[in-house]
Amino acid sequence: MPYTILAKKQIISLTQFVALLSIALLAPIFHQQLITGTIVNAVLLITTVLLGWPVAITIGTLPSLIAAAWGTLPSPLIPMIPFIITSNVILIVIFFLLKNKNYWLAAGSGAILKFLFLFATSTTLFTFLWPQKIAASMANMMSWPQLYTALLGSVVAFLALKMLKSIR
């Protein structure tokens, strides 16, 4: 009997992982930063709650890489991929560390720190890589929209987790 329970838990976890990974990987096809970022951030928070921070970090590394491979990430943003991944790790870890105290504190703190990291790194990096006009445009994509999508993703994740809790 314990084998069946363990197998059932593993199947549920694997199914959740595949579903959440699929959503995160398909998000870039929308070609809209507000939609894509909101979906990816929501998936990262949901994954952290359901499967743990290591699995969330695994998922958090893939959307930017896939977007670059599919050509949906603007080419001037390709040098930002390691920083985007790091910002996802920041969101996940801060959220994980604080989520048991208060969901909104955890999600808000993670979103703000993610935004600050991306804003600082993109402003610095793009100043060295691109002409001023392009640098300003690319840095803008890595600034306030990142905060908005992380906060919107937090709301989506909260609602999804509430719905999942009600059907368990």
C-alpha atoms as a PDB file:
ATOM      1  CA  MET A   1       0.000   0.000   0.000  1.00  0.00           C
ATOM      2  CA  PRO A   2       2.719   2.629   0.790  1.00  0.00           C
ATOM      3  CA  TYR A   3       4.188   2.012  -2.681  1.00  0.00           C
ATOM      4  CA  THR A   4       0.905   3.015  -4.342  1.00  0.00           C
ATOM      5  CA  ILE A   5       0.636   6.178  -2.244  1.00  0.00           C
ATOM      6  CA  LEU A   6       4.222   7.122  -3.073  1.00  0.00           C
ATOM      7  CA  ALA A   7       3.678   6.382  -6.735  1.00  0.00           C
ATOM      8  CA  LYS A   8       0.475   8.441  -6.740  1.00  0.00           C
ATOM      9  CA  LYS A   9       2.284  11.425  -5.152  1.00  0.00           C
ATOM     10  CA  GLN A  10       5.093  11.127  -7.688  1.00  0.00           C
ATOM     11  CA  ILE A  11       2.631  10.994 -10.572  1.00  0.00           C
ATOM     12  CA  ILE A  12       0.820  14.078  -9.265  1.00  0.00           C
ATOM     13  CA  SER A  13       4.113  15.961  -8.852  1.00  0.00           C
ATOM     14  CA  LEU A  14       5.320  14.953 -12.309  1.00  0.00           C
ATOM     15  CA  THR A  15       2.000  15.967 -13.850  1.00  0.00           C
ATOM     16  CA  GLN A  16       2.124  19.348 -12.087  1.00  0.00           C
ATOM     17  CA  PHE A  17       5.722  19.847 -13.221  1.00  0.00           C
ATOM     18  CA  VAL A  18       4.939  19.057 -16.860  1.00  0.00           C
ATOM     19  CA  ALA A  19       1.838  21.278 -16.841  1.00  0.00           C
ATOM     20  CA  LEU A  20       3.609  24.243 -15.224  1.00  0.00           C
ATOM     21  CA  LEU A  21       6.696  23.859 -17.413  1.00  0.00           C
ATOM     22  CA  SER A  22       4.507  23.718 -20.531  1.00  0.00           C
ATOM     23  CA  ILE A  23       2.691  26.896 -19.537  1.00  0.00           C
ATOM     24  CA  ALA A  24       5.990  28.700 -18.864  1.00  0.00           C
ATOM     25  CA  LEU A  25       7.486  27.543 -22.160  1.00  0.00           C
ATOM     26  CA  LEU A  26       4.439  28.505 -24.199  1.00  0.00           C
ATOM     27  CA  ALA A  27       4.060  31.955 -22.600  1.00  0.00           C
ATOM     28  CA  PRO A  28       6.583  33.665 -24.949  1.00  0.00           C
ATOM     29  CA  ILE A  29       4.420  32.878 -27.986  1.00  0.00           C
ATOM     30  CA  PHE A  30       2.115  35.755 -27.007  1.00  0.00           C
ATOM     31  CA  HIS A  31       4.830  38.285 -27.971  1.00  0.00           C
ATOM     32  CA  GLN A  32       3.406  40.616 -25.311  1.00  0.00           C
ATOM     33  CA  GLN A  33       5.632  41.349 -22.326  1.00  0.00           C
ATOM     34  CA  LEU A  34       2.677  42.032 -20.036  1.00  0.00           C
ATOM     35  CA  ILE A  35       1.052  38.665 -20.795  1.00  0.00           C
ATOM     36  CA  THR A  36       4.234  36.590 -21.031  1.00  0.00           C
ATOM     37  CA  GLY A  37       5.804  38.058 -17.893  1.00  0.00           C
ATOM     38  CA  THR A  38       2.616  37.715 -15.866  1.00  0.00           C
ATOM     39  CA  ILE A  39       2.224  34.063 -16.869  1.00  0.00           C
ATOM     40  CA  VAL A  40       5.867  33.160 -16.208  1.00  0.00           C
ATOM     41  CA  ASN A  41       5.927  34.911 -12.822  1.00  0.00           C
ATOM     42  CA  ALA A  42       2.663  33.225 -11.807  1.00  0.00           C
ATOM     43  CA  VAL A  43       4.058  29.836 -12.812  1.00  0.00           C
ATOM     44  CA  LEU A  44       7.217  30.445 -10.774  1.00  0.00           C
ATOM     45  CA  LEU A  45       5.229  31.243  -7.623  1.00  0.00           C
ATOM     46  CA  ILE A  46       2.769  28.386  -8.122  1.00  0.00           C
ATOM     47  CA  THR A  47       5.645  25.969  -8.696  1.00  0.00           C
ATOM     48  CA  THR A  48       7.389  27.200  -5.546  1.00  0.00           C
ATOM     49  CA  VAL A  49       4.269  26.455  -3.487  1.00  0.00           C
ATOM     50  CA  LEU A  50       3.380  23.127  -5.104  1.00  0.00           C
ATOM     51  CA  LEU A  51       6.771  21.598  -5.907  1.00  0.00           C
ATOM     52  CA  GLY A  52       9.393  23.615  -4.026  1.00  0.00           C
ATOM     53  CA  TRP A  53      11.970  26.239  -4.854  1.00  0.00           C
ATOM     54  CA  PRO A  54      14.498  23.941  -6.610  1.00  0.00           C
ATOM     55  CA  VAL A  55      11.874  22.880  -9.154  1.00  0.00           C
ATOM     56  CA  ALA A  56      10.730  26.495  -9.564  1.00  0.00           C
ATOM     57  CA  ILE A  57      14.319  27.534 -10.282  1.00  0.00           C
ATOM     58  CA  THR A  58      14.568  24.786 -12.887  1.00  0.00           C
ATOM     59  CA  ILE A  59      11.450  26.114 -14.596  1.00  0.00           C
ATOM     60  CA  GLY A  60      12.655  29.715 -14.160  1.00  0.00           C
ATOM     61  CA  THR A  61      15.744  29.081 -16.254  1.00  0.00           C
ATOM     62  CA  LEU A  62      13.923  27.898 -19.348  1.00  0.00           C
ATOM     63  CA  PRO A  63      11.484  30.539 -20.698  1.00  0.00           C
ATOM     64  CA  SER A  64      14.192  33.076 -21.635  1.00  0.00           C
ATOM     65  CA  LEU A  65      16.331  30.398 -23.255  1.00  0.00           C
ATOM     66  CA  ILE A  66      13.365  29.073 -25.228  1.00  0.00           C
ATOM     67  CA  ALA A  67      12.280  32.612 -26.203  1.00  0.00           C
ATOM     68  CA  ALA A  68      15.794  33.264 -27.535  1.00  0.00           C
ATOM     69  CA  ALA A  69      15.829  29.955 -29.421  1.00  0.00           C
ATOM     70  CA  TRP A  70      12.377  30.594 -30.933  1.00  0.00           C
ATOM     71  CA  GLY A  71      13.279  34.159 -31.853  1.00  0.00           C
ATOM     72  CA  THR A  72      10.589  35.709 -29.658  1.00  0.00           C
ATOM     73  CA  LEU A  73      13.139  37.470 -27.445  1.00  0.00           C
ATOM     74  CA  PRO A  74      14.432  40.654 -29.090  1.00  0.00           C
ATOM     75  CA  SER A  75      18.063  40.047 -30.038  1.00  0.00           C
ATOM     76  CA  PRO A  76      19.376  43.047 -28.048  1.00  0.00           C
ATOM     77  CA  LEU A  77      17.996  41.326 -24.916  1.00  0.00           C
ATOM     78  CA  ILE A  78      19.959  38.088 -25.428  1.00  0.00           C
ATOM     79  CA  PRO A  79      22.901  39.314 -23.279  1.00  0.00           C
ATOM     80  CA  MET A  80      20.343  39.785 -20.465  1.00  0.00           C
ATOM     81  CA  ILE A  81      19.388  36.086 -20.309  1.00  0.00           C
ATOM     82  CA  PRO A  82      21.692  35.231 -17.357  1.00  0.00           C
ATOM     83  CA  PHE A  83      20.354  38.282 -15.510  1.00  0.00           C
ATOM     84  CA  ILE A  84      16.736  37.438 -16.301  1.00  0.00           C
ATOM     85  CA  ILE A  85      17.330  33.919 -14.962  1.00  0.00           C
ATOM     86  CA  THR A  86      19.016  35.358 -11.857  1.00  0.00           C
ATOM     87  CA  SER A  87      16.072  37.707 -11.332  1.00  0.00           C
ATOM     88  CA  ASN A  88      13.720  34.712 -11.468  1.00  0.00           C
ATOM     89  CA  VAL A  89      15.862  32.999  -8.833  1.00  0.00           C
ATOM     90  CA  ILE A  90      15.643  36.142  -6.674  1.00  0.00           C
ATOM     91  CA  LEU A  91      11.846  36.162  -6.974  1.00  0.00           C
ATOM     92  CA  ILE A  92      11.596  32.459  -6.148  1.00  0.00           C
ATOM     93  CA  VAL A  93      13.983  32.469  -3.172  1.00  0.00           C
ATOM     94  CA  ILE A  94      12.548  35.611  -1.549  1.00  0.00           C
ATOM     95  CA  PHE A  95       9.028  34.301  -2.063  1.00  0.00           C
ATOM     96  CA  PHE A  96       9.977  30.907  -0.621  1.00  0.00           C
ATOM     97  CA  LEU A  97      11.634  32.430   2.440  1.00  0.00           C
ATOM     98  CA  LEU A  98       8.693  34.698   3.287  1.00  0.00           C
ATOM     99  CA  LYS A  99       5.607  32.871   1.984  1.00  0.00           C
ATOM    100  CA  ASN A 100       4.768  31.212   5.301  1.00  0.00           C
ATOM    101  CA  LYS A 101       4.743  34.589   7.070  1.00  0.00           C
ATOM    102  CA  ASN A 102       2.556  36.427   4.572  1.00  0.00           C
ATOM    103  CA  TYR A 103       1.869  35.657   0.912  1.00  0.00           C
ATOM    104  CA  TRP A 104       1.644  39.313  -0.152  1.00  0.00           C
ATOM    105  CA  LEU A 105       4.785  40.320   1.727  1.00  0.00           C
ATOM    106  CA  ALA A 106       6.626  37.417   0.084  1.00  0.00           C
ATOM    107  CA  ALA A 107       5.326  38.088  -3.416  1.00  0.00           C
ATOM    108  CA  GLY A 108       5.729  41.862  -3.158  1.00  0.00           C
ATOM    109  CA  SER A 109       9.255  41.667  -1.749  1.00  0.00           C
ATOM    110  CA  GLY A 110      10.289  39.169  -4.408  1.00  0.00           C
ATOM    111  CA  ALA A 111       8.779  41.322  -7.160  1.00  0.00           C
ATOM    112  CA  ILE A 112      10.499  44.491  -5.946  1.00  0.00           C
ATOM    113  CA  LEU A 113      13.897  42.833  -5.581  1.00  0.00           C
ATOM    114  CA  LYS A 114      13.543  41.190  -9.005  1.00  0.00           C
ATOM    115  CA  PHE A 115      12.699  44.580 -10.525  1.00  0.00           C
ATOM    116  CA  LEU A 116      15.586  46.366  -8.791  1.00  0.00           C
ATOM    117  CA  PHE A 117      18.085  43.729  -9.888  1.00  0.00           C
ATOM    118  CA  LEU A 118      16.935  43.790 -13.518  1.00  0.00           C
ATOM    119  CA  PHE A 119      16.757  47.564 -13.626  1.00  0.00           C
ATOM    120  CA  ALA A 120      20.287  47.954 -12.251  1.00  0.00           C
ATOM    121  CA  THR A 121      21.873  45.267 -14.408  1.00  0.00           C
ATOM    122  CA  SER A 122      20.106  46.237 -17.627  1.00  0.00           C
ATOM    123  CA  THR A 123      20.886  49.923 -17.243  1.00  0.00           C
ATOM    124  CA  THR A 124      24.546  49.119 -16.643  1.00  0.00           C
ATOM    125  CA  LEU A 125      24.890  46.395 -19.290  1.00  0.00           C
ATOM    126  CA  PHE A 126      23.045  48.166 -22.081  1.00  0.00           C
ATOM    127  CA  THR A 127      25.032  51.360 -21.568  1.00  0.00           C
ATOM    128  CA  PHE A 128      28.145  49.418 -22.546  1.00  0.00           C
ATOM    129  CA  LEU A 129      26.605  47.318 -25.332  1.00  0.00           C
ATOM    130  CA  TRP A 130      24.301  49.525 -27.363  1.00  0.00           C
ATOM    131  CA  PRO A 131      23.958  53.065 -28.652  1.00  0.00           C
ATOM    132  CA  GLN A 132      22.122  55.298 -26.176  1.00  0.00           C
ATOM    133  CA  LYS A 133      18.742  55.187 -27.976  1.00  0.00           C
ATOM    134  CA  ILE A 134      18.681  51.370 -28.169  1.00  0.00           C
ATOM    135  CA  ALA A 135      20.098  51.052 -24.651  1.00  0.00           C
ATOM    136  CA  ALA A 136      17.341  53.235 -23.202  1.00  0.00           C
ATOM    137  CA  SER A 137      14.631  51.262 -25.028  1.00  0.00           C
ATOM    138  CA  MET A 138      15.992  47.880 -23.927  1.00  0.00           C
ATOM    139  CA  ALA A 139      16.580  49.046 -20.351  1.00  0.00           C
ATOM    140  CA  ASN A 140      12.982  50.251 -20.267  1.00  0.00           C
ATOM    141  CA  MET A 141      11.767  46.721 -21.060  1.00  0.00           C
ATOM    142  CA  MET A 142      13.767  45.490 -18.077  1.00  0.00           C
ATOM    143  CA  SER A 143      12.459  48.116 -15.654  1.00  0.00           C
ATOM    144  CA  TRP A 144       8.885  48.977 -14.691  1.00  0.00           C
ATOM    145  CA  PRO A 145       7.240  46.290 -16.846  1.00  0.00           C
ATOM    146  CA  GLN A 146       9.180  43.718 -14.807  1.00  0.00           C
ATOM    147  CA  LEU A 147       7.665  45.028 -11.586  1.00  0.00           C
ATOM    148  CA  TYR A 148       4.168  45.113 -13.067  1.00  0.00           C
ATOM    149  CA  THR A 149       4.358  41.581 -14.460  1.00  0.00           C
ATOM    150  CA  ALA A 150       5.802  40.189 -11.216  1.00  0.00           C
ATOM    151  CA  LEU A 151       3.001  41.819  -9.212  1.00  0.00           C
ATOM    152  CA  LEU A 152       0.307  40.719 -11.679  1.00  0.00           C
ATOM    153  CA  GLY A 153       1.813  37.222 -11.674  1.00  0.00           C
ATOM    154  CA  SER A 154       1.516  37.248  -7.878  1.00  0.00           C
ATOM    155  CA  VAL A 155      -2.206  37.983  -8.135  1.00  0.00           C
ATOM    156  CA  VAL A 156      -2.724  35.279 -10.777  1.00  0.00           C
ATOM    157  CA  ALA A 157      -0.753  32.780  -8.677  1.00  0.00           C
ATOM    158  CA  PHE A 158      -2.747  33.663  -5.558  1.00  0.00           C
ATOM    159  CA  LEU A 159      -6.050  33.105  -7.377  1.00  0.00           C
ATOM    160  CA  ALA A 160      -4.840  29.862  -8.982  1.00  0.00           C
ATOM    161  CA  LEU A 161      -3.554  28.520  -5.665  1.00  0.00           C
ATOM    162  CA  LYS A 162      -6.870  29.413  -3.996  1.00  0.00           C
ATOM    163  CA  MET A 163      -8.732  27.532  -6.724  1.00  0.00           C
ATOM    164  CA  LEU A 164      -6.421  24.525  -6.436  1.00  0.00           C
ATOM    165  CA  LYS A 165      -6.841  24.486  -2.666  1.00  0.00           C
ATOM    166  CA  SER A 166     -10.616  24.489  -3.011  1.00  0.00           C
ATOM    167  CA  ILE A 167     -10.630  21.409  -5.246  1.00  0.00           C
ATOM    168  CA  ARG A 168      -8.251  19.324  -3.154  1.00  0.00           C
END
